[in-house]
Amino acid sequence: MKLANLIGERFKEKPADCIVDSHALMLRGGYMKYVASGIYSQHVPLRRISRKIEQIIREEMDKIGGQEVLFPVVLPASLWEESGRFQSVGSELIRFKDRNDSPMVLGMTHEEAAVALVREYANSYAKYPFMIYQIQTKFRDEARPRAGLIRVREFTMKDAYSFHTSQEDLERYYQICYDAYNRIFARCGIPEVVTVKSDSGMMGGNVSHEYMLLTPIGEDSIAICSECDYRANMEAAENIIDNSDYSSEEMKPLEMVATPEQKTIEDVAAFLNSDAQHSCKAVVYRKNMTDELVIVFLRGDVEVNETKLTNYIGEDIHPAVLTEDDNVCAGYIGPMNLACKATVVFDSSLKGTRNICTGANKEGYHYVGFNIERDCGSVQYVDVGKILEGGICPKCGKKSITVQRGIEVGNIFQLGTKYTKSMNMQYTDKDGNLQYPIMGCYGIGVGRMAASICEKYHDDYGPIWPMAVAPWQVHLCCIRADDANCKSIADNLYTTFQEKGVEIIYDDRDVRPGVMFSDSDLLGVPIRVVVSPRNLAEGIVEISTRDKSVSVKVKVDDVLETVQSLIKEML
């Protein structure tokens, strides 16, 4: 490929509204073009990177017995109605009607399509287990697309679905996929990816893991133990609070005190010369379906984990905007004498506390000396809080939790029978009885992985692509294309590289060396070969790597061998 013929522009200026480096560099380098919020067209460099990622995925999926299929992007709503997700999934799912007035959806994930494809085929135990996968375009109408390809609305994804006749067989294959994913990320140049326990969300199932690339720009928060191998997404991490210190405190009497204009935890704590740990705060939500209030009481220094709360409630929620009709005293809400109709949840962070402050459900007043068991009777505690930095590790029990940021580049789920039961997929077992197969689900976002690799490997000048996924292996620069000898040797190298199967981008434009090298940096090709009159005067050519680990000058006749050796080392 000649750079002069490459569609797409490269430019120096950082585009506006780019909050992460990968987004800015991939726009500057002519990898993609903005079309609409969370929707991009891909230029040649990104397509070549994506195809290499997809090929690595295919090889690893085929190696563990996967069979590649292809599902439609547009699906009849009836399939999603069978599973129940047509109603339960929110506005992320695009619903529309075709010209025949038939309800349709745009596939944002393909569990329903997978079951529909194989439920007639897989009617006997003898046909199990098996796994099917696809690499397909999906559309999810994200509310807040951000960071270029890291969070988009239209994306390419590899999603795989395995079918089993026992939980034991699913767990066996789940581990096989777990290991295959580690190989995929290592081959793509990001072996640093870690696995974390996660919440299954709308996918369903009881066991799930996310593959995270740890980076400060990540949009997911991950709880990591510095003393053991515990790692979990904040949405799934158990928040363990040690309130044993309270047991040494002498029980104080309950007392209502005036706290005029003090509505926040911080304000009340300062007013009473106390701290957030010695308070019980209220956070109010509404159920999406019924608009019923949900009031969560938790220790003042703990935040609500909305995913945990949603899972406990069993339906989606949203922060409440209170009105007079709710009969709630905003800023002074407490568990005692609560007059409104609401689902009340006590977070486990309150268990064992005593002598704390809480709202009195009266304008301008709080209680002090509050003890839940004494003043409210027996209550059920539920873990709906976010794990704290420096908190207790659920695995080793030490106060060693740190919270880091990460980009989710893949996920795997043990789905169980959620979809096979709802969609009436059955098989006949050895004894002639009808059973529901057990499913696993395994996803990798191709574009997000490309952006994550760029985020991990770049400098101020452009990406530094690992050889396995780089758009080209070699970037050949001809300095002074108007010099006949220089151009002739560069042309010969270009032809030789192509004949030997080396992937090469050749820049023979009549531009300044600074422009040429700037474009080379933005394309991030691992090996750069520079042919110039100055070096040719000594009979040599300059070879360097994008990561600056190698810079050598070799004879013209040794260029091919040197480059082939470098490619082999870098793969």
Protein backbone atom coordinates (compact mmCIF):
# COMPACT_ATOMS: atom_id res chain seq x y z
CA MET A 1 0.00 0.00 0.00
CA LYS A 2 1.29 3.47 -0.89
CA LEU A 3 0.60 6.17 1.65
CA ALA A 4 -0.11 8.63 -1.16
CA ASN A 5 -3.15 6.53 -2.10
CA LEU A 6 -4.38 5.90 1.47
CA ILE A 7 -7.82 7.38 2.08
CA GLY A 8 -8.04 9.53 5.19
CA GLU A 9 -6.16 12.52 6.53
CA ARG A 10 -3.67 12.78 9.37
CA PHE A 11 -3.29 16.01 11.30
CA LYS A 12 -1.41 17.52 14.25
CA GLU A 13 -4.18 19.17 16.22
CA LYS A 14 -5.99 17.27 18.95
CA PRO A 15 -9.72 17.16 18.15
CA ALA A 16 -12.06 18.87 20.56
CA ASP A 17 -14.05 16.83 23.08
CA CYS A 18 -11.61 13.90 23.11
CA ILE A 19 -11.25 12.91 26.75
CA VAL A 20 -8.93 9.91 26.20
CA ASP A 21 -5.73 9.62 24.19
CA SER A 22 -6.85 6.67 22.06
CA HIS A 23 -9.85 8.62 20.77
CA ALA A 24 -7.73 11.63 19.84
CA LEU A 25 -4.95 9.61 18.22
CA MET A 26 -7.30 7.43 16.19
CA LEU A 27 -9.05 10.51 14.83
CA ARG A 28 -5.77 12.33 14.18
CA GLY A 29 -4.24 9.28 12.50
CA GLY A 30 -7.09 8.75 10.03
CA TYR A 31 -8.33 5.50 11.59
CA MET A 32 -11.99 6.46 11.78
CA LYS A 33 -14.46 9.24 11.08
CA TYR A 34 -17.27 10.49 13.30
CA VAL A 35 -20.73 9.90 11.83
CA ALA A 36 -23.08 10.37 14.80
CA SER A 37 -22.91 10.09 18.57
CA GLY A 38 -21.26 6.73 19.29
CA ILE A 39 -21.15 5.80 15.59
CA TYR A 40 -17.99 5.82 13.46
CA SER A 41 -16.88 4.82 9.97
CA GLN A 42 -13.59 2.94 9.83
CA HIS A 43 -10.72 3.82 7.50
CA VAL A 44 -8.22 1.28 6.18
CA PRO A 45 -5.78 1.23 9.15
CA LEU A 46 -8.51 0.43 11.67
CA ARG A 47 -10.10 -2.15 9.38
CA ARG A 48 -6.75 -3.92 9.07
CA ILE A 49 -6.27 -3.86 12.86
CA SER A 50 -9.81 -5.14 13.44
CA ARG A 51 -9.39 -7.97 10.93
CA LYS A 52 -6.25 -9.14 12.71
CA ILE A 53 -7.99 -9.07 16.09
CA GLU A 54 -10.91 -10.98 14.59
CA GLN A 55 -8.57 -13.57 13.09
CA ILE A 56 -6.88 -14.18 16.44
CA ILE A 57 -10.30 -14.57 18.03
CA ARG A 58 -11.40 -17.00 15.30
CA GLU A 59 -8.30 -19.14 15.70
CA GLU A 60 -8.75 -19.41 19.46
CA MET A 61 -12.49 -20.05 19.25
CA ASP A 62 -11.99 -22.72 16.58
CA LYS A 63 -9.27 -24.30 18.73
CA ILE A 64 -11.77 -24.94 21.56
CA GLY A 65 -14.42 -26.39 19.26
CA GLY A 66 -16.34 -23.25 18.34
CA GLN A 67 -18.41 -23.22 15.16
CA GLU A 68 -18.76 -19.85 13.46
CA VAL A 69 -22.27 -18.81 12.48
CA LEU A 70 -23.89 -15.47 11.66
CA PHE A 71 -27.10 -14.08 13.14
CA PRO A 72 -29.16 -11.24 11.66
CA VAL A 73 -28.70 -7.68 12.91
CA VAL A 74 -32.47 -7.16 12.64
CA LEU A 75 -34.55 -9.63 14.66
CA PRO A 76 -38.30 -10.14 15.10
CA ALA A 77 -39.50 -8.79 18.44
CA SER A 78 -41.23 -12.12 19.03
CA LEU A 79 -37.88 -13.74 19.91
CA TRP A 80 -37.21 -11.14 22.59
CA GLU A 81 -40.80 -11.46 23.80
CA GLU A 82 -40.19 -15.19 24.32
CA SER A 83 -37.23 -14.48 26.60
CA GLY A 84 -39.02 -11.62 28.36
CA ARG A 85 -36.32 -9.11 27.49
CA PHE A 86 -38.47 -7.16 25.02
CA GLN A 87 -40.25 -5.71 28.04
CA SER A 88 -37.47 -5.81 30.66
CA VAL A 89 -34.66 -4.14 28.68
CA GLY A 90 -34.86 -0.36 28.58
CA SER A 91 -34.35 2.16 25.81
CA GLU A 92 -30.92 0.71 24.96
CA LEU A 93 -32.83 -1.76 22.77
CA ILE A 94 -33.97 -0.20 19.49
CA ARG A 95 -37.53 -1.27 18.74
CA PHE A 96 -39.28 -0.48 15.44
CA LYS A 97 -41.85 -1.82 12.97
CA ASP A 98 -41.13 -2.87 9.42
CA ARG A 99 -43.27 -2.00 6.38
CA ASN A 100 -45.63 -4.86 7.24
CA ASP A 101 -46.18 -3.39 10.71
CA SER A 102 -44.31 -6.28 12.32
CA PRO A 103 -42.43 -5.39 15.56
CA MET A 104 -38.66 -5.73 15.14
CA VAL A 105 -35.50 -5.00 17.15
CA LEU A 106 -31.85 -4.25 16.39
CA GLY A 107 -29.69 -6.94 17.97
CA MET A 108 -27.68 -5.61 20.90
CA THR A 109 -26.83 -9.19 21.95
CA HIS A 110 -27.89 -12.52 20.44
CA GLU A 111 -28.87 -15.04 23.13
CA GLU A 112 -32.37 -15.28 21.70
CA ALA A 113 -31.09 -15.73 18.15
CA ALA A 114 -28.67 -18.44 19.30
CA VAL A 115 -31.43 -20.43 21.00
CA ALA A 116 -33.72 -20.01 17.98
CA LEU A 117 -30.97 -21.29 15.68
CA VAL A 118 -30.33 -24.59 17.48
CA ARG A 119 -33.46 -25.48 19.47
CA GLU A 120 -34.84 -27.79 16.78
CA TYR A 121 -31.43 -29.28 16.01
CA ALA A 122 -30.31 -29.97 19.58
CA ASN A 123 -33.23 -32.20 20.58
CA SER A 124 -31.14 -35.13 21.88
CA TYR A 125 -28.50 -35.41 24.58
CA ALA A 126 -26.22 -37.03 22.00
CA LYS A 127 -25.77 -33.66 20.25
CA TYR A 128 -24.28 -31.95 23.31
CA PRO A 129 -22.10 -30.13 24.20
CA PHE A 130 -21.40 -27.59 21.46
CA MET A 131 -20.49 -23.93 21.05
CA ILE A 132 -21.44 -21.50 18.31
CA TYR A 133 -20.01 -18.03 17.83
CA GLN A 134 -20.25 -15.05 15.50
CA ILE A 135 -18.44 -11.78 14.82
CA GLN A 136 -21.22 -9.35 14.10
CA THR A 137 -22.32 -5.71 14.17
CA LYS A 138 -24.54 -4.80 17.10
CA PHE A 139 -26.40 -1.68 18.15
CA ARG A 140 -26.98 -0.60 21.73
CA ASP A 141 -28.45 2.87 22.19
CA GLU A 142 -26.10 3.99 24.96
CA ALA A 143 -27.28 7.04 26.86
CA ARG A 144 -23.77 8.49 27.12
CA PRO A 145 -21.36 7.34 24.39
CA ARG A 146 -17.83 8.44 25.25
CA ALA A 147 -14.12 7.96 24.65
CA GLY A 148 -14.28 7.08 20.96
CA LEU A 149 -14.51 3.32 20.46
CA ILE A 150 -14.44 2.56 24.17
CA ARG A 151 -18.16 3.25 24.61
CA VAL A 152 -20.14 3.42 21.39
CA ARG A 153 -23.63 2.64 20.16
CA GLU A 154 -22.75 0.62 17.05
CA PHE A 155 -19.96 -1.90 17.50
CA THR A 156 -18.49 -5.18 16.29
CA MET A 157 -18.45 -8.00 18.77
CA LYS A 158 -17.56 -11.64 18.98
CA ASP A 159 -20.27 -13.38 20.96
CA ALA A 160 -20.26 -17.11 21.62
CA TYR A 161 -22.89 -19.40 23.14
CA SER A 162 -22.25 -22.86 24.54
CA PHE A 163 -24.90 -25.48 25.32
CA HIS A 164 -24.56 -28.25 27.91
CA THR A 165 -26.50 -31.04 29.61
CA SER A 166 -25.09 -30.46 33.10
CA GLN A 167 -23.75 -27.68 35.28
CA GLU A 168 -20.51 -29.64 35.66
CA ASP A 169 -19.99 -29.70 31.91
CA LEU A 170 -20.71 -25.96 31.67
CA GLU A 171 -18.13 -25.28 34.40
CA ARG A 172 -15.59 -27.45 32.59
CA TYR A 173 -16.09 -25.56 29.34
CA TYR A 174 -16.29 -22.20 31.11
CA GLN A 175 -12.72 -22.76 32.30
CA ILE A 176 -11.65 -23.67 28.75
CA CYS A 177 -13.10 -20.38 27.46
CA TYR A 178 -11.57 -18.53 30.40
CA ASP A 179 -8.12 -19.78 29.35
CA ALA A 180 -8.79 -19.12 25.65
CA TYR A 181 -9.62 -15.50 26.45
CA ASN A 182 -6.32 -15.10 28.28
CA ARG A 183 -4.54 -16.37 25.15
CA ILE A 184 -6.49 -13.98 22.91
CA PHE A 185 -5.52 -10.92 24.93
CA ALA A 186 -1.91 -12.03 25.19
CA ARG A 187 -1.70 -12.60 21.44
CA CYS A 188 -3.23 -9.18 20.77
CA GLY A 189 -0.51 -7.55 22.86
CA ILE A 190 -2.28 -6.88 26.16
CA PRO A 191 -1.38 -9.77 28.48
CA GLU A 192 -1.87 -7.34 31.38
CA VAL A 193 -5.64 -7.89 31.18
CA VAL A 194 -7.00 -9.20 34.49
CA THR A 195 -10.21 -11.07 35.27
CA VAL A 196 -12.67 -9.79 37.83
CA LYS A 197 -15.91 -11.12 39.24
CA SER A 198 -18.80 -9.14 37.83
CA ASP A 199 -22.53 -8.64 37.94
CA SER A 200 -24.45 -10.53 35.24
CA GLY A 201 -26.88 -7.66 34.68
CA MET A 202 -29.45 -8.09 31.95
CA MET A 203 -27.61 -11.16 30.64
CA GLY A 204 -28.75 -13.23 33.59
CA GLY A 205 -27.00 -16.15 35.23
CA ASN A 206 -25.19 -16.56 38.52
CA VAL A 207 -21.48 -16.61 37.61
CA SER A 208 -19.74 -14.07 35.40
CA HIS A 209 -16.29 -12.58 34.88
CA GLU A 210 -15.06 -9.49 33.11
CA TYR A 211 -11.66 -9.07 31.49
CA MET A 212 -10.28 -5.67 32.44
CA LEU A 213 -7.37 -3.67 31.12
CA LEU A 214 -6.31 -1.55 34.09
CA THR A 215 -5.91 2.08 33.08
CA PRO A 216 -6.75 5.41 34.76
CA ILE A 217 -9.13 6.32 31.92
CA GLY A 218 -11.26 3.19 32.41
CA GLU A 219 -14.93 3.74 33.08
CA ASP A 220 -15.29 0.71 35.38
CA SER A 221 -14.13 0.68 38.99
CA ILE A 222 -12.44 -2.51 40.17
CA ALA A 223 -11.87 -3.61 43.75
CA ILE A 224 -8.46 -5.27 44.03
CA CYS A 225 -6.90 -6.85 47.10
CA SER A 226 -3.21 -6.11 47.56
CA GLU A 227 -2.78 -9.16 49.80
CA CYS A 228 -4.45 -11.92 47.76
CA ASP A 229 -5.80 -12.54 44.25
CA TYR A 230 -9.29 -11.14 44.91
CA ARG A 231 -10.58 -8.88 42.11
CA ALA A 232 -14.16 -7.82 41.47
CA ASN A 233 -16.08 -5.15 39.63
CA MET A 234 -17.43 -2.57 42.06
CA GLU A 235 -20.93 -3.62 40.99
CA ALA A 236 -20.31 -7.13 42.34
CA ALA A 237 -17.81 -6.57 45.17
CA GLU A 238 -19.15 -7.39 48.61
CA ASN A 239 -18.83 -4.46 51.00
CA ILE A 240 -17.75 -5.78 54.40
CA ILE A 241 -17.88 -3.24 57.22
CA ASP A 242 -16.31 -3.87 60.63
CA ASN A 243 -18.44 -2.11 63.25
CA SER A 244 -16.89 -3.92 66.21
CA ASP A 245 -15.61 -0.63 67.63
CA TYR A 246 -19.19 0.38 68.41
CA SER A 247 -19.62 -2.51 70.86
CA SER A 248 -17.37 -0.81 73.41
CA GLU A 249 -19.57 2.30 73.48
CA GLU A 250 -22.07 2.66 76.28
CA MET A 251 -25.62 2.75 74.92
CA LYS A 252 -26.97 6.30 75.01
CA PRO A 253 -30.62 7.32 75.18
CA LEU A 254 -32.44 8.34 71.99
CA GLU A 255 -32.77 12.11 71.80
CA MET A 256 -34.31 14.42 69.19
CA VAL A 257 -32.19 17.50 68.57
CA ALA A 258 -32.75 20.60 66.47
CA THR A 259 -30.61 20.76 63.31
CA PRO A 260 -31.99 23.78 61.46
CA GLU A 261 -31.01 23.99 57.77
CA GLN A 262 -28.64 21.00 58.17
CA LYS A 263 -29.71 18.51 55.48
CA THR A 264 -26.57 16.78 54.21
CA ILE A 265 -24.54 14.22 56.13
CA GLU A 266 -21.54 16.52 56.10
CA ASP A 267 -23.53 19.49 57.40
CA VAL A 268 -25.24 17.49 60.16
CA ALA A 269 -21.99 15.82 61.26
CA ALA A 270 -20.23 19.19 61.48
CA PHE A 271 -23.17 20.74 63.32
CA LEU A 272 -23.20 17.93 65.90
CA ASN A 273 -19.40 17.73 66.12
CA SER A 274 -19.52 14.12 64.88
CA ASP A 275 -18.50 12.28 61.70
CA ALA A 276 -20.18 10.49 58.77
CA GLN A 277 -19.40 7.03 60.18
CA HIS A 278 -21.62 7.79 63.18
CA SER A 279 -24.65 8.60 61.06
CA CYS A 280 -27.41 6.80 59.19
CA LYS A 281 -28.28 8.45 55.89
CA ALA A 282 -31.21 7.90 53.54
CA VAL A 283 -31.02 7.67 49.75
CA VAL A 284 -34.33 7.63 47.87
CA TYR A 285 -35.17 5.96 44.54
CA ARG A 286 -38.26 5.08 42.56
CA LYS A 287 -39.10 1.81 40.84
CA ASN A 288 -39.27 2.36 37.10
CA MET A 289 -42.39 0.27 36.55
CA THR A 290 -44.60 1.44 39.45
CA ASP A 291 -42.96 4.71 40.59
CA GLU A 292 -43.03 3.30 44.13
CA LEU A 293 -40.48 4.81 46.50
CA VAL A 294 -37.44 2.83 47.62
CA ILE A 295 -35.62 4.24 50.68
CA VAL A 296 -32.14 2.92 51.42
CA PHE A 297 -30.62 3.50 54.86
CA LEU A 298 -26.85 3.08 55.12
CA ARG A 299 -23.88 4.33 57.11
CA GLY A 300 -23.09 7.92 56.29
CA ASP A 301 -19.70 7.21 54.69
CA VAL A 302 -21.01 4.48 52.36
CA GLU A 303 -22.48 5.05 48.87
CA VAL A 304 -25.32 3.05 47.34
CA ASN A 305 -24.32 0.47 44.74
CA GLU A 306 -27.28 0.83 42.37
CA THR A 307 -26.58 -2.46 40.62
CA LYS A 308 -26.76 -4.37 43.90
CA LEU A 309 -29.92 -2.49 44.84
CA THR A 310 -31.53 -3.20 41.47
CA ASN A 311 -30.72 -6.91 41.82
CA TYR A 312 -32.20 -6.99 45.32
CA ILE A 313 -35.36 -5.08 44.37
CA GLY A 314 -35.79 -7.18 41.22
CA GLU A 315 -36.50 -4.29 38.87
CA ASP A 316 -34.91 -1.12 37.53
CA ILE A 317 -34.82 2.00 39.67
CA HIS A 318 -33.95 5.66 39.28
CA PRO A 319 -33.15 8.48 41.74
CA ALA A 320 -36.33 9.98 43.12
CA VAL A 321 -37.45 13.57 42.76
CA LEU A 322 -39.65 14.03 45.83
CA THR A 323 -42.93 15.94 45.89
CA GLU A 324 -45.34 16.91 48.67
CA ASP A 325 -47.53 13.93 47.78
CA ASP A 326 -44.73 11.54 48.80
CA ASN A 327 -45.10 12.53 52.47
CA VAL A 328 -41.33 12.45 52.91
CA CYS A 329 -39.34 15.07 54.81
CA ALA A 330 -36.38 15.54 52.46
CA GLY A 331 -33.09 16.05 54.28
CA TYR A 332 -34.46 14.65 57.52
CA ILE A 333 -35.49 11.10 56.56
CA GLY A 334 -34.94 8.40 59.17
CA PRO A 335 -36.14 4.85 59.89
CA MET A 336 -38.34 5.79 62.87
CA ASN A 337 -41.93 6.93 62.32
CA LEU A 338 -41.58 6.85 58.55
CA ALA A 339 -45.02 7.86 57.30
CA CYS A 340 -44.67 7.32 53.56
CA LYS A 341 -45.39 4.15 51.59
CA ALA A 342 -42.05 2.77 50.44
CA THR A 343 -39.83 -0.28 50.14
CA VAL A 344 -37.28 0.19 52.94
CA VAL A 345 -33.81 -1.34 52.69
CA PHE A 346 -31.20 -1.43 55.48
CA ASP A 347 -27.64 -1.75 54.19
CA SER A 348 -25.33 -4.14 56.03
CA SER A 349 -23.00 -1.23 56.82
CA LEU A 350 -25.42 -0.33 59.65
CA LYS A 351 -25.25 -3.72 61.35
CA GLY A 352 -23.71 -3.43 64.80
CA THR A 353 -23.77 0.38 64.95
CA ARG A 354 -25.01 2.29 67.98
CA ASN A 355 -25.26 5.88 69.19
CA ILE A 356 -25.54 7.21 65.66
CA CYS A 357 -27.38 10.17 64.17
CA THR A 358 -30.35 9.82 61.82
CA GLY A 359 -33.20 11.88 60.46
CA ALA A 360 -36.27 12.37 62.66
CA ASN A 361 -38.76 12.66 59.76
CA LYS A 362 -39.45 16.16 61.04
CA GLU A 363 -38.29 19.37 59.39
CA GLY A 364 -35.17 20.68 61.13
CA TYR A 365 -34.65 17.72 63.48
CA HIS A 366 -32.44 14.63 63.80
CA TYR A 367 -32.13 11.88 66.35
CA VAL A 368 -28.86 11.19 68.19
CA GLY A 369 -28.14 8.11 70.27
CA PHE A 370 -29.99 6.02 67.68
CA ASN A 371 -29.67 2.21 67.82
CA ILE A 372 -31.46 0.24 65.12
CA GLU A 373 -32.22 -2.96 67.07
CA ARG A 374 -33.42 -1.08 70.15
CA ASP A 375 -35.36 1.67 68.39
CA CYS A 376 -36.66 -0.14 65.27
CA GLY A 377 -36.72 -3.79 66.32
CA SER A 378 -35.36 -6.61 64.19
CA VAL A 379 -34.48 -5.60 60.62
CA GLN A 380 -33.05 -7.45 57.64
CA TYR A 381 -29.66 -6.19 56.51
CA VAL A 382 -28.73 -6.36 52.82
CA ASP A 383 -25.43 -5.55 51.11
CA VAL A 384 -26.28 -2.70 48.73
CA GLY A 385 -23.25 -0.49 49.41
CA LYS A 386 -20.14 0.26 47.38
CA ILE A 387 -16.95 -1.30 48.67
CA LEU A 388 -14.64 1.25 50.27
CA GLU A 389 -11.02 2.06 49.51
CA GLY A 390 -9.06 0.36 52.30
CA GLY A 391 -12.04 -1.87 52.98
CA ILE A 392 -12.06 -5.50 54.05
CA CYS A 393 -11.26 -8.09 51.38
CA PRO A 394 -14.11 -10.63 51.08
CA LYS A 395 -11.55 -13.39 50.41
CA CYS A 396 -8.64 -12.92 52.82
CA GLY A 397 -10.37 -10.69 55.38
CA LYS A 398 -7.63 -8.04 55.46
CA LYS A 399 -8.20 -4.32 55.14
CA SER A 400 -6.36 -4.27 51.84
CA ILE A 401 -8.86 -3.24 49.15
CA THR A 402 -7.74 -0.69 46.57
CA VAL A 403 -10.02 0.69 43.87
CA GLN A 404 -8.60 1.02 40.36
CA ARG A 405 -10.08 1.94 36.99
CA GLY A 406 -10.28 -0.38 34.02
CA ILE A 407 -11.69 -0.89 30.52
CA GLU A 408 -13.82 -3.99 30.05
CA VAL A 409 -12.50 -5.77 26.94
CA GLY A 410 -14.38 -9.06 27.34
CA ASN A 411 -16.84 -10.94 29.49
CA ILE A 412 -18.02 -14.49 30.13
CA PHE A 413 -21.25 -15.64 31.78
CA GLN A 414 -22.72 -18.86 33.09
CA LEU A 415 -26.29 -18.24 31.95
CA GLY A 416 -27.90 -21.44 33.23
CA THR A 417 -31.36 -22.13 31.78
CA LYS A 418 -32.59 -18.51 31.69
CA TYR A 419 -33.04 -18.49 27.91
CA THR A 420 -33.65 -22.16 27.15
CA LYS A 421 -36.52 -22.32 29.65
CA SER A 422 -38.16 -19.06 28.60
CA MET A 423 -37.85 -20.03 24.92
CA ASN A 424 -38.85 -23.68 25.47
CA MET A 425 -35.67 -25.28 24.15
CA GLN A 426 -35.58 -28.90 25.33
CA TYR A 427 -33.73 -32.14 24.65
CA THR A 428 -34.38 -35.77 25.50
CA ASP A 429 -31.90 -37.19 28.01
CA LYS A 430 -30.59 -40.78 28.25
CA ASP A 431 -33.68 -41.85 30.20
CA GLY A 432 -36.12 -40.34 27.71
CA ASN A 433 -36.97 -37.33 29.88
CA LEU A 434 -37.19 -33.76 28.58
CA GLN A 435 -34.58 -31.37 29.97
CA TYR A 436 -33.56 -27.75 29.42
CA PRO A 437 -29.96 -27.28 28.23
CA ILE A 438 -27.63 -25.07 30.25
CA MET A 439 -25.93 -22.15 28.49
CA GLY A 440 -22.73 -20.16 28.70
CA CYS A 441 -22.09 -16.85 26.94
CA TYR A 442 -18.74 -15.30 25.98
CA GLY A 443 -18.19 -11.82 24.45
CA ILE A 444 -15.32 -9.67 23.19
CA GLY A 445 -15.67 -6.19 21.70
CA VAL A 446 -13.38 -5.87 18.67
CA GLY A 447 -13.34 -2.07 18.34
CA ARG A 448 -13.06 -1.57 22.08
CA MET A 449 -10.07 -3.91 22.14
CA ALA A 450 -8.38 -1.92 19.36
CA ALA A 451 -8.94 1.31 21.30
CA SER A 452 -7.74 -0.33 24.52
CA ILE A 453 -4.52 -1.50 22.88
CA CYS A 454 -3.95 2.04 21.63
CA GLU A 455 -4.67 3.38 25.10
CA LYS A 456 -2.11 1.01 26.58
CA TYR A 457 0.58 1.52 23.93
CA HIS A 458 1.06 5.08 22.71
CA ASP A 459 3.21 8.14 23.22
CA ASP A 460 2.58 11.82 22.52
CA TYR A 461 3.10 11.25 18.80
CA GLY A 462 0.80 8.31 18.10
CA PRO A 463 -0.05 4.66 18.77
CA ILE A 464 2.63 1.99 19.16
CA TRP A 465 0.85 -1.05 17.75
CA PRO A 466 2.01 -4.55 18.75
CA MET A 467 3.17 -6.49 15.72
CA ALA A 468 0.31 -9.02 15.92
CA VAL A 469 -2.38 -6.39 15.34
CA ALA A 470 -0.52 -3.56 13.60
CA PRO A 471 -2.11 -2.27 10.39
CA TRP A 472 1.18 -2.98 8.58
CA GLN A 473 4.41 -4.57 9.71
CA VAL A 474 6.78 -2.12 8.02
CA HIS A 475 6.59 1.58 7.19
CA LEU A 476 9.01 2.40 4.36
CA CYS A 477 9.97 6.07 4.05
CA CYS A 478 11.72 7.42 0.97
CA ILE A 479 13.34 10.73 1.89
CA ARG A 480 13.85 12.80 -1.28
CA ALA A 481 11.72 10.90 -3.78
CA ASP A 482 13.10 13.33 -6.36
CA ASP A 483 16.53 11.67 -6.00
CA ALA A 484 16.67 8.97 -8.68
CA ASN A 485 18.98 6.61 -6.76
CA CYS A 486 17.05 6.98 -3.50
CA LYS A 487 13.72 6.39 -5.24
CA SER A 488 15.04 3.39 -7.15
CA ILE A 489 16.35 1.64 -4.05
CA ALA A 490 13.19 2.41 -2.05
CA ASP A 491 11.03 1.12 -4.92
CA ASN A 492 13.07 -2.07 -5.09
CA LEU A 493 12.72 -2.62 -1.33
CA TYR A 494 8.96 -2.07 -1.61
CA THR A 495 8.69 -4.68 -4.35
CA THR A 496 10.92 -7.14 -2.48
CA PHE A 497 8.98 -6.80 0.75
CA GLN A 498 5.71 -7.42 -1.05
CA GLU A 499 7.08 -10.47 -2.84
CA LYS A 500 8.23 -11.90 0.50
CA GLY A 501 4.81 -11.41 2.08
CA VAL A 502 5.77 -8.52 4.34
CA GLU A 503 2.86 -6.15 5.07
CA ILE A 504 4.18 -2.74 4.08
CA ILE A 505 3.00 0.85 3.79
CA TYR A 506 5.27 2.89 1.49
CA ASP A 507 5.60 6.67 1.74
CA ASP A 508 7.19 8.08 -1.42
CA ARG A 509 5.43 11.43 -1.33
CA ASP A 510 7.24 14.67 -2.08
CA VAL A 511 6.90 16.06 1.46
CA ARG A 512 9.26 17.25 4.17
CA PRO A 513 10.85 14.56 6.37
CA GLY A 514 9.07 16.02 9.43
CA VAL A 515 5.67 15.49 7.82
CA MET A 516 6.65 12.00 6.72
CA PHE A 517 7.83 10.97 10.20
CA SER A 518 4.82 12.58 11.89
CA ASP A 519 2.46 10.53 9.71
CA SER A 520 4.55 7.44 10.40
CA ASP A 521 4.21 7.99 14.15
CA LEU A 522 0.45 8.41 13.86
CA LEU A 523 0.14 5.14 11.94
CA GLY A 524 2.17 3.42 14.65
CA VAL A 525 3.65 0.71 12.42
CA PRO A 526 6.15 -1.36 14.48
CA ILE A 527 9.15 -1.15 12.08
CA ARG A 528 10.29 1.90 10.13
CA VAL A 529 12.73 1.68 7.23
CA VAL A 530 14.18 5.00 6.08
CA VAL A 531 15.94 5.38 2.72
CA SER A 532 17.73 8.72 2.31
CA PRO A 533 20.48 10.13 0.07
CA ARG A 534 22.67 10.82 3.10
CA ASN A 535 22.62 7.19 4.29
CA LEU A 536 22.87 5.79 0.78
CA ALA A 537 26.12 7.74 0.35
CA GLU A 538 27.49 5.23 2.89
CA GLY A 539 25.57 2.31 1.34
CA ILE A 540 23.26 1.91 4.32
CA VAL A 541 19.59 2.15 5.26
CA GLU A 542 18.20 3.10 8.67
CA ILE A 543 15.89 0.65 10.48
CA SER A 544 14.13 1.52 13.75
CA THR A 545 11.16 0.37 15.78
CA ARG A 546 8.22 2.51 16.76
CA ASP A 547 8.83 1.80 20.45
CA LYS A 548 12.41 3.11 20.06
CA SER A 549 13.92 -0.13 21.35
CA VAL A 550 15.85 -0.70 18.11
CA SER A 551 17.72 1.74 15.86
CA VAL A 552 20.31 0.32 13.48
CA LYS A 553 21.90 1.10 10.14
CA VAL A 554 22.42 -1.84 7.80
CA LYS A 555 23.64 -2.40 4.29
CA VAL A 556 21.02 -2.26 1.57
CA ASP A 557 21.46 -5.97 0.83
CA ASP A 558 20.82 -6.83 4.50
CA VAL A 559 17.59 -4.86 4.93
CA LEU A 560 15.18 -7.70 4.13
CA GLU A 561 16.89 -10.20 6.42
CA THR A 562 17.10 -7.69 9.27
CA VAL A 563 13.43 -6.71 8.96
CA GLN A 564 12.25 -10.33 8.73
CA SER A 565 14.23 -11.15 11.86
CA LEU A 566 12.67 -8.20 13.71
CA ILE A 567 9.17 -9.20 12.64
CA LYS A 568 9.75 -12.72 13.92
CA GLU A 569 11.00 -11.39 17.28
CA MET A 570 8.06 -9.01 17.66
CA LEU A 571 5.29 -11.46 16.82
